């Protein structure tokens, strides 16, 4: 049985429209029509914000290729290297 001591969930903060408008119309120089037509993802991209983790590094990619080689046309494991990429020395 609830004891009444549980607090209500935190109320989410309001979206910072003034800041968004200042960035879109001011810093980016967009027209109001362009601002309101943009998706949140487009707005974030225009501000230089990325979503998600950093891309896979070449070293990490090569470790994955070594751990999980794909068979080449001959049925043997392919090198994972482009024909014009020299092997590491």
Protein backbone atom coordinates (compact mmCIF):
# COMPACT_ATOMS: atom_id res chain seq x y z
CA UNK A 1 0.00 0.00 0.00
CA UNK A 2 1.46 3.40 -0.93
CA UNK A 3 2.57 5.48 2.02
CA UNK A 4 2.05 8.83 0.32
CA UNK A 5 5.74 9.74 0.46
CA UNK A 6 6.40 9.14 -3.24
CA UNK A 7 6.88 12.39 -5.10
CA UNK A 8 5.18 13.19 -8.37
CA UNK A 9 7.26 12.69 -11.53
CA UNK A 10 9.37 15.68 -12.47
CA UNK A 11 7.64 18.01 -14.86
CA UNK A 12 9.56 18.30 -18.13
CA UNK A 13 11.06 21.69 -18.82
CA UNK A 14 9.54 23.81 -21.54
CA UNK A 15 11.18 23.83 -24.96
CA UNK A 16 13.54 26.84 -25.29
CA UNK A 17 11.71 28.49 -28.19
CA UNK A 18 13.44 31.85 -27.72
CA UNK A 19 16.86 30.21 -28.04
CA UNK A 20 15.78 28.10 -31.02
CA UNK A 21 14.36 31.13 -32.83
CA UNK A 22 17.49 33.18 -32.09
CA UNK A 23 19.68 30.42 -33.53
CA UNK A 24 17.51 29.68 -36.55
CA UNK A 25 16.61 33.22 -37.56
CA UNK A 26 19.70 34.96 -36.22
CA UNK A 27 22.79 32.75 -36.25
CA UNK A 28 21.74 30.59 -39.21
CA UNK A 29 20.03 33.43 -41.06
CA UNK A 30 17.03 31.31 -42.02
CA UNK A 31 13.75 32.87 -43.04
CA UNK A 32 10.79 32.17 -40.75
CA UNK A 33 9.38 29.83 -43.43
CA UNK A 34 12.64 27.86 -43.57
CA UNK A 35 12.82 27.67 -39.78
CA UNK A 36 9.28 26.36 -39.36
CA UNK A 37 9.66 23.93 -42.28
CA UNK A 38 12.84 22.36 -40.85
CA UNK A 39 12.68 19.12 -38.92
CA UNK A 40 14.43 18.88 -35.54
CA UNK A 41 17.08 16.69 -37.16
CA UNK A 42 17.70 19.26 -39.91
CA UNK A 43 17.92 22.03 -37.33
CA UNK A 44 20.44 20.06 -35.26
CA UNK A 45 22.50 19.27 -38.37
CA UNK A 46 22.56 22.94 -39.38
CA UNK A 47 23.88 23.76 -35.91
CA UNK A 48 26.63 21.15 -36.35
CA UNK A 49 25.24 18.70 -33.83
CA UNK A 50 25.61 15.03 -34.54
CA UNK A 51 23.44 12.30 -33.24
CA UNK A 52 24.81 9.00 -32.09
CA UNK A 53 28.29 7.64 -31.53
CA UNK A 54 31.43 8.55 -33.42
CA UNK A 55 31.98 6.65 -36.66
CA UNK A 56 33.98 3.45 -36.56
CA UNK A 57 37.74 4.04 -36.78
CA UNK A 58 39.81 2.31 -39.45
CA UNK A 59 41.64 0.33 -36.75
CA UNK A 60 38.37 -0.89 -35.21
CA UNK A 61 37.07 -1.78 -38.69
CA UNK A 62 40.20 -3.84 -39.42
CA UNK A 63 39.84 -5.65 -36.08
CA UNK A 64 36.26 -6.55 -37.03
CA UNK A 65 37.41 -7.77 -40.44
CA UNK A 66 40.04 -9.96 -38.80
CA UNK A 67 37.54 -11.34 -36.28
CA UNK A 68 34.71 -11.88 -38.79
CA UNK A 69 36.20 -12.32 -42.28
CA UNK A 70 33.85 -12.41 -45.24
CA UNK A 71 34.51 -15.16 -47.79
CA UNK A 72 35.80 -13.87 -51.09
CA UNK A 73 34.70 -15.16 -54.52
CA UNK A 74 37.02 -18.17 -54.12
CA UNK A 75 35.42 -19.13 -50.81
CA UNK A 76 38.51 -18.03 -48.88
CA UNK A 77 38.47 -15.07 -46.53
CA UNK A 78 38.89 -11.78 -48.37
CA UNK A 79 41.58 -9.36 -47.24
CA UNK A 80 39.04 -6.63 -46.52
CA UNK A 81 41.28 -4.17 -48.30
CA UNK A 82 40.44 -2.19 -51.41
CA UNK A 83 42.66 -3.17 -54.35
CA UNK A 84 44.27 0.29 -54.44
CA UNK A 85 44.96 0.42 -50.68
CA UNK A 86 48.51 -0.65 -49.82
CA UNK A 87 48.91 -3.07 -46.93
CA UNK A 88 50.10 -1.68 -43.61
CA UNK A 89 53.85 -1.92 -43.27
